[in-house]
């Protein structure tokens, strides 16, 4: 079995689940802080990733860690590794 050092480390991101309306797929919004090119002010930018959720456990509002993987479909290149924080039940 190959170890992580042999195949290289995979990219990971932490984000919030926005949607779980697809079967075994969630949309995860990942925010990052970047400096504005002209003025230098720090602003928040967001990117949405489609991630594979095999057990269909994620709910909107959950904070999750996603990891890069092989292409699973046209848009899915990430998978949910773990749920860090569950959404608050109302």
N, C-alpha and C. Protein backbone atom coordinates (compact mmCIF):
# COMPACT_ATOMS: atom_id res chain seq x y z
N UNK A 1 0.84 -1.18 0.00
CA UNK A 1 0.00 0.00 0.00
C UNK A 1 0.89 1.24 0.00
N UNK A 2 0.51 2.24 -0.79
CA UNK A 2 1.32 3.45 -0.88
C UNK A 2 1.04 4.37 0.30
N UNK A 3 2.06 5.06 0.71
CA UNK A 3 1.90 6.02 1.80
C UNK A 3 1.70 7.40 1.20
N UNK A 4 1.31 8.33 2.05
CA UNK A 4 1.04 9.68 1.58
C UNK A 4 2.30 10.35 1.02
N UNK A 5 3.47 10.05 1.60
CA UNK A 5 4.69 10.68 1.12
C UNK A 5 5.08 10.17 -0.26
N UNK A 6 4.72 8.95 -0.58
CA UNK A 6 5.06 8.41 -1.90
C UNK A 6 4.25 9.06 -3.00
N UNK A 7 2.96 9.29 -2.77
CA UNK A 7 2.13 9.86 -3.83
C UNK A 7 1.99 11.38 -3.70
N UNK A 8 2.59 11.98 -2.67
CA UNK A 8 2.50 13.42 -2.48
C UNK A 8 1.33 13.79 -1.60
N UNK A 9 1.40 14.95 -1.02
CA UNK A 9 0.32 15.38 -0.15
C UNK A 9 -0.80 15.98 -0.99
N UNK A 10 -2.03 15.78 -0.54
CA UNK A 10 -3.19 16.28 -1.27
C UNK A 10 -3.63 17.60 -0.66
N UNK A 11 -4.21 18.45 -1.47
CA UNK A 11 -4.70 19.73 -0.99
C UNK A 11 -5.92 19.51 -0.10
N UNK A 12 -6.02 20.26 0.96
CA UNK A 12 -7.20 20.22 1.82
C UNK A 12 -7.71 21.64 2.02
N UNK A 13 -9.01 21.76 2.20
CA UNK A 13 -9.64 23.05 2.44
C UNK A 13 -10.69 22.85 3.54
N UNK A 14 -11.00 23.93 4.26
CA UNK A 14 -12.05 23.91 5.27
C UNK A 14 -13.11 24.91 4.82
N UNK A 15 -14.37 24.46 4.83
CA UNK A 15 -15.45 25.33 4.38
C UNK A 15 -16.77 24.95 4.99
N UNK A 16 -17.82 25.62 4.54
CA UNK A 16 -19.17 25.42 5.07
C UNK A 16 -20.04 24.85 3.96
N UNK A 17 -20.84 23.83 4.31
CA UNK A 17 -21.74 23.21 3.35
C UNK A 17 -22.88 24.19 3.04
N UNK A 18 -23.07 24.45 1.75
CA UNK A 18 -24.11 25.38 1.31
C UNK A 18 -25.34 24.61 0.85
N UNK A 19 -25.12 23.45 0.19
CA UNK A 19 -26.24 22.69 -0.37
C UNK A 19 -25.93 21.20 -0.31
N UNK A 20 -26.99 20.40 -0.10
CA UNK A 20 -26.85 18.95 -0.15
C UNK A 20 -27.99 18.33 -0.96
N UNK A 21 -28.47 19.06 -1.96
CA UNK A 21 -29.64 18.61 -2.72
C UNK A 21 -29.33 17.53 -3.74
N UNK A 22 -28.05 17.30 -4.04
CA UNK A 22 -27.68 16.25 -4.98
C UNK A 22 -27.37 14.97 -4.23
N UNK A 23 -27.52 13.84 -4.90
CA UNK A 23 -27.24 12.55 -4.28
C UNK A 23 -25.73 12.39 -4.12
N UNK A 24 -25.29 12.14 -2.88
CA UNK A 24 -23.88 11.92 -2.52
C UNK A 24 -22.95 13.07 -2.92
N UNK A 25 -23.50 14.25 -3.07
CA UNK A 25 -22.70 15.43 -3.42
C UNK A 25 -23.14 16.60 -2.56
N UNK A 26 -22.16 17.36 -2.07
CA UNK A 26 -22.45 18.60 -1.34
C UNK A 26 -21.68 19.74 -2.00
N UNK A 27 -22.20 20.94 -1.86
CA UNK A 27 -21.51 22.13 -2.33
C UNK A 27 -20.91 22.80 -1.10
N UNK A 28 -19.58 23.01 -1.12
CA UNK A 28 -18.87 23.56 0.02
C UNK A 28 -18.31 24.92 -0.37
N UNK A 29 -18.62 25.94 0.43
CA UNK A 29 -18.14 27.29 0.19
C UNK A 29 -16.89 27.51 1.04
N UNK A 30 -15.78 27.82 0.38
CA UNK A 30 -14.50 28.04 1.05
C UNK A 30 -14.15 29.52 0.91
N UNK A 31 -13.96 30.20 2.02
CA UNK A 31 -13.61 31.61 2.00
C UNK A 31 -12.12 31.79 2.26
N UNK A 32 -11.56 32.81 1.62
CA UNK A 32 -10.15 33.13 1.84
C UNK A 32 -9.99 34.65 1.87
N UNK A 33 -8.94 35.09 2.53
CA UNK A 33 -8.66 36.52 2.64
C UNK A 33 -7.56 36.88 1.65
N UNK A 34 -7.81 37.89 0.83
CA UNK A 34 -6.81 38.35 -0.14
C UNK A 34 -6.75 39.87 -0.11
N UNK A 35 -5.61 40.41 -0.48
CA UNK A 35 -5.44 41.85 -0.55
C UNK A 35 -5.95 42.35 -1.90
N UNK A 36 -6.72 43.44 -1.88
CA UNK A 36 -7.19 44.06 -3.12
C UNK A 36 -5.97 44.53 -3.92
N UNK A 37 -6.01 44.27 -5.24
CA UNK A 37 -4.84 44.58 -6.07
C UNK A 37 -4.52 46.08 -6.11
N UNK A 38 -5.54 46.92 -6.17
CA UNK A 38 -5.29 48.35 -6.30
C UNK A 38 -5.05 49.03 -4.97
N UNK A 39 -5.90 48.75 -3.99
CA UNK A 39 -5.85 49.49 -2.73
C UNK A 39 -5.17 48.74 -1.59
N UNK A 40 -5.01 47.42 -1.71
CA UNK A 40 -4.32 46.66 -0.68
C UNK A 40 -5.20 46.28 0.50
N UNK A 41 -6.47 46.67 0.50
CA UNK A 41 -7.37 46.32 1.61
C UNK A 41 -7.64 44.82 1.58
N UNK A 42 -7.69 44.20 2.76
CA UNK A 42 -7.98 42.77 2.87
C UNK A 42 -9.47 42.56 2.67
N UNK A 43 -9.83 41.72 1.70
CA UNK A 43 -11.22 41.41 1.42
C UNK A 43 -11.41 39.90 1.42
N UNK A 44 -12.66 39.47 1.67
CA UNK A 44 -12.98 38.05 1.67
C UNK A 44 -13.46 37.63 0.28
N UNK A 45 -12.88 36.55 -0.24
CA UNK A 45 -13.31 35.97 -1.51
C UNK A 45 -13.78 34.56 -1.21
N UNK A 46 -14.76 34.09 -1.97
CA UNK A 46 -15.31 32.75 -1.73
C UNK A 46 -15.30 31.93 -3.01
N UNK A 47 -15.06 30.63 -2.87
CA UNK A 47 -15.11 29.69 -3.98
C UNK A 47 -15.98 28.52 -3.54
N UNK A 48 -16.80 28.02 -4.47
CA UNK A 48 -17.65 26.87 -4.16
C UNK A 48 -17.07 25.63 -4.83
N UNK A 49 -16.95 24.56 -4.07
CA UNK A 49 -16.46 23.28 -4.58
C UNK A 49 -17.56 22.24 -4.43
N UNK A 50 -17.69 21.35 -5.42
CA UNK A 50 -18.58 20.20 -5.28
C UNK A 50 -17.74 19.07 -4.72
N UNK A 51 -18.21 18.47 -3.64
CA UNK A 51 -17.46 17.43 -2.95
C UNK A 51 -18.31 16.18 -2.77
N UNK A 52 -17.65 15.02 -2.81
CA UNK A 52 -18.33 13.74 -2.67
C UNK A 52 -18.57 13.45 -1.19
N UNK A 53 -19.83 13.13 -0.85
CA UNK A 53 -20.23 12.80 0.52
C UNK A 53 -20.87 11.42 0.48
N UNK A 54 -20.06 10.38 0.62
CA UNK A 54 -20.50 8.99 0.44
C UNK A 54 -21.67 8.62 1.34
N UNK A 55 -21.62 9.00 2.60
CA UNK A 55 -22.65 8.59 3.56
C UNK A 55 -23.83 9.55 3.63
N UNK A 56 -23.78 10.63 2.90
CA UNK A 56 -24.83 11.65 2.86
C UNK A 56 -25.16 12.17 4.26
N UNK A 57 -24.13 12.47 5.03
CA UNK A 57 -24.31 12.93 6.41
C UNK A 57 -24.34 14.46 6.53
N UNK A 58 -23.74 15.16 5.59
CA UNK A 58 -23.59 16.61 5.70
C UNK A 58 -24.90 17.34 5.49
N UNK A 59 -25.12 18.36 6.31
CA UNK A 59 -26.29 19.23 6.22
C UNK A 59 -25.81 20.65 5.96
N UNK A 60 -26.64 21.50 5.36
CA UNK A 60 -26.25 22.90 5.16
C UNK A 60 -25.88 23.56 6.49
N UNK A 61 -24.78 24.27 6.50
CA UNK A 61 -24.29 24.93 7.72
C UNK A 61 -23.18 24.17 8.42
N UNK A 62 -22.96 22.90 8.06
CA UNK A 62 -21.88 22.11 8.67
C UNK A 62 -20.52 22.63 8.21
N UNK A 63 -19.57 22.65 9.13
CA UNK A 63 -18.20 23.01 8.79
C UNK A 63 -17.44 21.71 8.51
N UNK A 64 -16.85 21.58 7.31
CA UNK A 64 -16.23 20.32 6.89
C UNK A 64 -14.83 20.56 6.34
N UNK A 65 -14.04 19.48 6.35
CA UNK A 65 -12.73 19.49 5.70
C UNK A 65 -12.87 18.66 4.43
N UNK A 66 -12.44 19.22 3.29
CA UNK A 66 -12.48 18.49 2.02
C UNK A 66 -11.06 18.28 1.53
N UNK A 67 -10.89 17.22 0.75
CA UNK A 67 -9.57 16.85 0.25
C UNK A 67 -9.65 16.61 -1.26
N UNK A 68 -8.62 17.02 -1.96
CA UNK A 68 -8.56 16.82 -3.40
C UNK A 68 -8.48 15.33 -3.72
N UNK A 69 -9.13 14.91 -4.80
CA UNK A 69 -9.12 13.51 -5.20
C UNK A 69 -9.19 13.43 -6.72
N UNK A 70 -9.22 12.22 -7.24
CA UNK A 70 -9.32 12.05 -8.69
C UNK A 70 -10.67 12.56 -9.17
N UNK A 71 -10.82 12.89 -10.44
CA UNK A 71 -12.12 13.35 -10.93
C UNK A 71 -13.20 12.27 -10.74
N UNK A 72 -14.28 12.64 -10.06
CA UNK A 72 -15.38 11.71 -9.81
C UNK A 72 -16.54 11.95 -10.77
N UNK A 73 -16.64 13.15 -11.32
CA UNK A 73 -17.65 13.48 -12.32
C UNK A 73 -17.16 14.73 -13.05
N UNK A 74 -18.02 15.34 -13.82
CA UNK A 74 -17.62 16.52 -14.59
C UNK A 74 -17.10 17.64 -13.69
N UNK A 75 -17.77 17.88 -12.55
CA UNK A 75 -17.40 18.98 -11.67
C UNK A 75 -16.80 18.56 -10.34
N UNK A 76 -16.92 17.28 -9.96
CA UNK A 76 -16.48 16.83 -8.63
C UNK A 76 -15.02 16.39 -8.65
N UNK A 77 -14.19 17.15 -7.91
CA UNK A 77 -12.77 16.83 -7.76
C UNK A 77 -12.36 16.77 -6.30
N UNK A 78 -13.30 16.84 -5.38
CA UNK A 78 -13.03 16.89 -3.95
C UNK A 78 -13.91 15.89 -3.23
N UNK A 79 -13.50 15.47 -2.02
CA UNK A 79 -14.34 14.60 -1.20
C UNK A 79 -14.29 15.08 0.24
N UNK A 80 -15.38 14.83 0.96
CA UNK A 80 -15.47 15.24 2.37
C UNK A 80 -14.67 14.25 3.19
N UNK A 81 -13.71 14.75 3.96
CA UNK A 81 -12.87 13.90 4.80
C UNK A 81 -13.49 13.77 6.20
N UNK A 82 -13.91 14.91 6.77
CA UNK A 82 -14.49 14.88 8.11
C UNK A 82 -15.38 16.09 8.34
N UNK A 83 -16.31 15.93 9.26
CA UNK A 83 -17.16 17.04 9.67
C UNK A 83 -16.56 17.62 10.95
N UNK A 84 -16.19 18.90 10.89
CA UNK A 84 -15.55 19.52 12.03
C UNK A 84 -16.58 20.07 13.03
N UNK A 85 -17.70 20.57 12.51
CA UNK A 85 -18.70 21.19 13.35
C UNK A 85 -20.07 21.01 12.71
N UNK A 86 -21.03 20.53 13.46
CA UNK A 86 -22.38 20.36 12.94
C UNK A 86 -23.12 21.69 13.00
N UNK A 87 -24.08 21.86 12.09
CA UNK A 87 -24.89 23.09 12.08
C UNK A 87 -25.79 23.12 13.30
N UNK A 88 -26.05 24.31 13.78
CA UNK A 88 -26.93 24.47 14.95
C UNK A 88 -28.36 24.13 14.56
N UNK A 89 -28.99 23.25 15.32
CA UNK A 89 -30.37 22.86 15.08
C UNK A 89 -31.30 23.96 15.62
N UNK A 90 -32.28 24.34 14.81
CA UNK A 90 -33.21 25.40 15.23
C UNK A 90 -34.53 24.83 15.63
